Protein backbone atom coordinates (compact mmCIF):
# COMPACT_ATOMS: atom_id res chain seq x y z
CA MET A 1 10.30 1.33 -13.84
CA ARG A 2 9.36 3.50 -10.82
CA GLY A 3 12.34 2.76 -8.61
CA SER A 4 12.80 6.46 -7.94
CA VAL A 5 9.42 6.67 -6.16
CA VAL A 6 9.79 5.92 -2.44
CA LEU A 7 6.79 5.88 -0.13
CA GLY A 8 7.13 6.59 3.56
CA GLY A 9 10.89 7.02 3.11
CA ARG A 10 11.06 3.25 2.98
CA TYR A 11 9.23 1.47 0.11
CA ALA A 12 10.87 1.85 -3.33
CA LEU A 13 8.33 1.13 -6.05
CA GLU A 14 9.74 -1.10 -8.79
CA ALA A 15 6.89 -2.02 -11.15
CA ALA A 16 3.11 -1.92 -11.37
CA VAL A 17 1.74 -5.46 -11.28
CA ALA A 18 -2.03 -4.91 -11.20
CA THR A 19 -4.60 -2.14 -11.48
CA ASP A 20 -8.24 -2.32 -10.50
CA SER A 21 -11.05 0.11 -9.73
CA THR A 22 -9.59 0.97 -6.31
CA GLY A 23 -5.96 1.62 -7.29
CA THR A 24 -2.66 0.07 -8.38
CA THR A 25 -0.54 -2.63 -6.75
CA PHE A 26 3.24 -2.39 -7.13
CA ARG A 27 6.17 -4.71 -6.59
CA ALA A 28 8.43 -2.78 -4.22
CA ARG A 29 11.54 -3.13 -2.09
CA ASP A 30 11.61 -2.32 1.61
CA ARG A 31 14.76 -0.20 1.92
CA GLU A 32 15.10 -0.99 5.64
CA THR A 33 14.98 -4.78 5.36
CA GLY A 34 15.79 -5.39 1.69
CA GLU A 35 12.69 -7.57 1.37
CA ARG A 36 10.32 -7.51 -1.58
CA VAL A 37 6.85 -6.28 -0.66
CA ALA A 38 3.58 -5.45 -2.38
CA VAL A 39 2.30 -1.88 -2.10
CA LYS A 40 -1.29 -0.95 -2.95
CA ARG A 41 -1.81 2.74 -3.76
CA PHE A 42 -5.46 3.70 -3.63
CA ALA A 43 -6.82 6.03 -6.29
CA SER A 44 -9.46 7.86 -4.27
CA THR A 45 -8.71 10.54 -1.72
CA ALA A 46 -12.39 11.44 -1.20
CA PRO A 47 -13.31 11.87 2.49
CA GLU A 48 -16.13 9.31 2.28
CA ASP A 49 -13.73 6.72 0.83
CA ARG A 50 -11.01 7.52 3.37
CA GLY A 51 -13.28 6.63 6.31
CA ARG A 52 -14.17 3.28 4.76
CA LEU A 53 -10.51 2.59 3.95
CA GLU A 54 -9.43 3.36 7.54
CA ARG A 55 -12.08 0.98 8.92
CA ASP A 56 -11.07 -1.74 6.44
CA LEU A 57 -7.39 -1.23 7.30
CA ALA A 58 -8.08 -1.61 11.04
CA THR A 59 -9.84 -4.92 10.31
CA ILE A 60 -7.13 -6.17 7.94
CA GLN A 61 -4.36 -5.44 10.44
CA ARG A 62 -6.07 -7.65 13.06
CA LEU A 63 -6.49 -10.66 10.73
CA ARG A 64 -4.03 -13.54 11.09
CA HIS A 65 -4.42 -16.57 8.85
CA ASP A 66 -2.14 -18.56 6.53
CA ALA A 67 -4.41 -17.80 3.56
CA ILE A 68 -4.42 -14.01 4.15
CA ILE A 69 -1.53 -11.74 3.26
CA ALA A 70 -0.52 -9.62 6.25
CA CYS A 71 -0.74 -5.85 6.16
CA ASN A 72 2.55 -4.64 7.64
CA ASP A 73 2.32 -0.89 7.19
CA ALA A 74 0.14 1.89 5.82
CA GLY A 75 0.50 5.55 5.07
CA THR A 76 -0.35 8.43 2.79
CA THR A 77 1.66 9.70 -0.16
CA GLU A 78 2.69 13.34 -0.44
CA THR A 79 -0.26 13.85 -2.79
CA GLY A 80 -2.74 12.38 -0.29
CA GLU A 81 -3.14 8.87 -1.74
CA PRO A 82 -3.45 6.19 0.95
CA TYR A 83 -1.34 3.06 0.56
CA LEU A 84 -0.97 -0.36 2.21
CA VAL A 85 2.13 -2.57 2.41
C-alpha cells in the first residue's frame, strides 16, 4: 500500500493497521535488518503536543517489561510529523 514511503531512510511503510485520535500505526519493514516493525505516526505537530510527546517518549524508552512493546527508534518526517518505531 505505502511501501514507497520510507521514514528515517530506514522504515518502509507497508500498510496502515490502526488509526486513533493521536495518529496512525503502520506495519513496516526495517530496511537495515529486514524485520517487521510497527511505526506510529503522530497527527499533531503543535508545539504544546510536541513537548508532551518528547516527555512520553523519554519515559517509554526507559521501560523494560515483557508486557510492554519496546520503543526502538523515533524521529520526525519531512513534513514535521513525529513517529515512533
